[in-house]
Each structure stands twice: as structure tokens, then as C-alpha cells.
């Protein structure tokens, strides 16, 4: 787990290598979470929370080293 949904946004990360999956946790107990996408080298995660000055809107999980 790289970023946890709802945690304070205080940094942005650039993916140097590998891949990550972006997942939004839902309040519906029958669902594990909503898949929002996958990102790879050169892409940025965590910018939305910084720009909106709000807590993280989704979790980011590494799926490759």
C-alpha cells in the first residue's frame, strides 16, 4: 500500500518503475473497492489531494516492484 484513501494529502509521487493500481473504497460491504486504473513509469500519483487540499480520494497499491 503506497497511499491510503482518506489520509491527509501532503506529498505527490512519481512512479520511476513498476506499476500501481488505483482503487476507491466503497461503503457497500458487498464490494471490495472500485478499480480506477493502473499507472506506470513517469506517471504521478497523489496530486489530486494536494490540488484540492483534501484527504486522499483513493488508495494506491503497488502491483509490480
Protein backbone atom coordinates (compact mmCIF):
# COMPACT_ATOMS: atom_id res chain seq x y z
CA UNK A 1 0.00 0.00 0.00
CA UNK A 2 1.53 3.29 -1.08
CA UNK A 3 -1.33 5.71 -0.41
CA UNK A 4 -4.30 5.06 1.87
CA UNK A 5 -7.68 6.54 0.99
CA UNK A 6 -8.81 9.28 3.42
CA UNK A 7 -5.30 10.00 4.77
CA UNK A 8 -4.08 13.62 4.67
CA UNK A 9 -2.55 14.67 1.35
CA UNK A 10 0.92 16.03 1.98
CA UNK A 11 3.02 14.71 -0.90
CA UNK A 12 2.98 13.73 -4.58
CA UNK A 13 4.85 10.74 -6.01
CA UNK A 14 6.25 10.00 -9.46
CA UNK A 15 6.43 6.35 -10.49
CA UNK A 16 10.00 5.58 -11.55
CA UNK A 17 9.49 1.89 -12.33
CA UNK A 18 6.84 -0.79 -11.88
CA UNK A 19 3.08 -0.36 -11.86
CA UNK A 20 0.44 0.70 -9.34
CA UNK A 21 -3.31 0.20 -9.13
CA UNK A 22 -5.66 2.98 -8.00
CA UNK A 23 -8.68 1.77 -6.00
CA UNK A 24 -11.52 3.70 -4.36
CA UNK A 25 -13.02 2.01 -1.32
CA UNK A 26 -16.80 1.95 -1.39
CA UNK A 27 -19.18 2.00 1.53
CA UNK A 28 -21.04 -1.01 0.06
CA UNK A 29 -19.96 -4.09 2.04
CA UNK A 30 -20.63 -6.34 -0.97
CA UNK A 31 -17.82 -4.69 -2.97
CA UNK A 32 -14.08 -4.76 -2.25
CA UNK A 33 -13.49 -1.42 -3.97
CA UNK A 34 -13.80 0.28 -7.31
CA UNK A 35 -10.89 -0.16 -9.73
CA UNK A 36 -9.99 3.27 -11.13
CA UNK A 37 -6.92 2.42 -13.17
CA UNK A 38 -3.30 1.38 -13.38
CA UNK A 39 -0.32 3.67 -13.77
CA UNK A 40 3.30 3.11 -14.70
CA UNK A 41 6.70 4.80 -15.11
CA UNK A 42 6.61 8.58 -15.50
CA UNK A 43 3.08 8.94 -14.14
CA UNK A 44 2.16 10.87 -10.99
CA UNK A 45 0.00 9.80 -8.01
CA UNK A 46 -1.27 11.87 -5.11
CA UNK A 47 -1.70 15.15 -6.95
CA UNK A 48 -5.49 15.41 -6.57
CA UNK A 49 -5.33 15.66 -2.78
CA UNK A 50 -2.64 18.33 -2.98
CA UNK A 51 -4.55 20.39 -5.57
CA UNK A 52 -7.88 20.20 -3.71
CA UNK A 53 -6.32 20.41 -0.22
CA UNK A 54 -8.48 17.46 0.84
CA UNK A 55 -7.83 13.94 2.12
CA UNK A 56 -6.85 11.22 -0.36
CA UNK A 57 -9.79 10.20 -2.55
CA UNK A 58 -8.41 6.73 -3.39
CA UNK A 59 -5.79 4.17 -2.38
CA UNK A 60 -2.72 3.33 -4.46
CA UNK A 61 -1.27 -0.18 -4.30
CA UNK A 62 1.95 -1.44 -5.92
CA UNK A 63 1.34 -4.37 -8.26
CA UNK A 64 4.95 -4.55 -9.53
CA UNK A 65 8.26 -3.67 -7.93
